[in-house]
Amino acid sequence: MKKLFSIFTLVFKKEKALTVLLLGQFFLQIGYFSLIPFLSIYLTKLDISEAMVGIILASRSLSYLVGLILSGSLVKQFSPKKIMVFGMLGTGIGYSLLSLAYNEYSFFIVLFILGLFNGLAYPGESILLVENTTQENRAEIFGLIRTLINLAAAVAPLISINFFQKWPYITFLVAGCIYIFYAVSSYCWIPDQFEKPEQNTTILTELRSYYDVIKDRSFFLLILGLTLPTISYFCLETTLPMHLNKIVNNSTYWFGFILTMNTVMIIAFQVIISRLCKTIGFIKSTLFGQLIYATSFIILGLTKEIEAIVLAIALFTIGEMLISPSSNMLIVDNSRKGEMAKYLAFGKLRLFIALPLSSLIGGYILDLFGGALMMYTYAVLALLGSVIIYVVRSQIRDSSLNNNISNHSKTLNS
């Protein structure tokens, strides 16, 4: 308790830069989770088809990916702080412009712009967080960030139900103001520690680094095996709300309840399950999690009863808690020495590929064939991922196995 108190004292009394970054994370996540997961319901109420909603949501995800790649070279030429502030200002203007959007074309354009600027901001913000922490407090600060994000995700559905659904235009403007205020605060209070490198990094260099990772066959198959279930995972914020809107009364309330339940379960049980993953092995934990994903999607495809849907999402959350720490550790374990940053960047890239695919595939199937087939498709993707991981299990490294063998040897020797 004293250690946690010391972290809060460090952040909120002594370090202006960290205060801005951490409070920014909290309020930006409230804005994100209040709007983006509920946006699909809002768009369908404007008589936009599910397939078109999927395309609109994918435009933000794809442009985010473009911004992310562009930013990789820009932060090395103009400084992380400048690119982050520029990206956050653009994102804030994008959210504000959503209040003026009125049809599928205007939403597509505005969300594309919003995603592009948001992608530009992310790498710079990550670098600033590293620059303004030390080796001694970095783990605690990152843990605090994770806690703030989870708290924001728990509170946001209540805000969405009580504000966004009633006053969407005002909510868009408020979200835009939060991003702009964060950008201005960052410009004023975060020091710029940028030193321009002697050799400039171009966008082609960034893309070439991803190609070098793809040539590592076992790592590429590992990422493929993790990406397919991630496509299924992102239905939670892309197509699940549209599915609920079709089959459940008061769908906005129940979707908010599901998001809050998901977050509360993660806050309560993630640490315990992370330890379990280390005990049984990261490969096995990933496989179990993917199979649990598939089971939960099959249940969602079979039922229209809200009690069964809530049970399926609870099961889904258990799978998420098994996969999240295990997949991150497998990516680290299988990154080549001396090229860790390149491999981790490629591992992160899978998230930004999976998100637009989730909304595109899910929205198309939901519009043409219905929610049941969409859920079965997500189940198949999760199963395919588990098959790939199982096939390449002997080719990928799992550090938990070494730890377990070491602990077992100590037990025998004692």
Foldseek 3Di string as FASTA:
>chain_A
DVVLVVLCCCQVPPALLSVLLLVLLLLLLLLCLLDQLCVLVVQVVLVDALLLLLLLSLLLLVLLLVLQLQLVQVCLPPNLLVQLLQLLLQLLVLLLCVLVDRHSVSSSVSSNSNSNSVSSNPVSSVVLLVVRDDPVCSVVSVVSSVVSSLVSLLCNLVCNVVPCVVPVNVSSNVSSVSSNVSSVSSVVRRDTPHDRDPDGDHSVNLVVLLVVQVVPPLLVLLLLLVLLLLLLVLCLRAVPLVQLVVQPPPSSVLSSVLSNVLSVCCVVPLVVLLVVCLQVFLLVLLLVLLLLLLVLLLQVLVDSDSVSNSVSSVSNSSSVSSNVVSSLQQQQQFDDPPCNVSSVVSSVVSNSVSNSSSSNQLSVCCRPPRDNVSSNSSSVSSVVSSVSSVVSVVVTDIVSVVVNVVVVVVVVVD
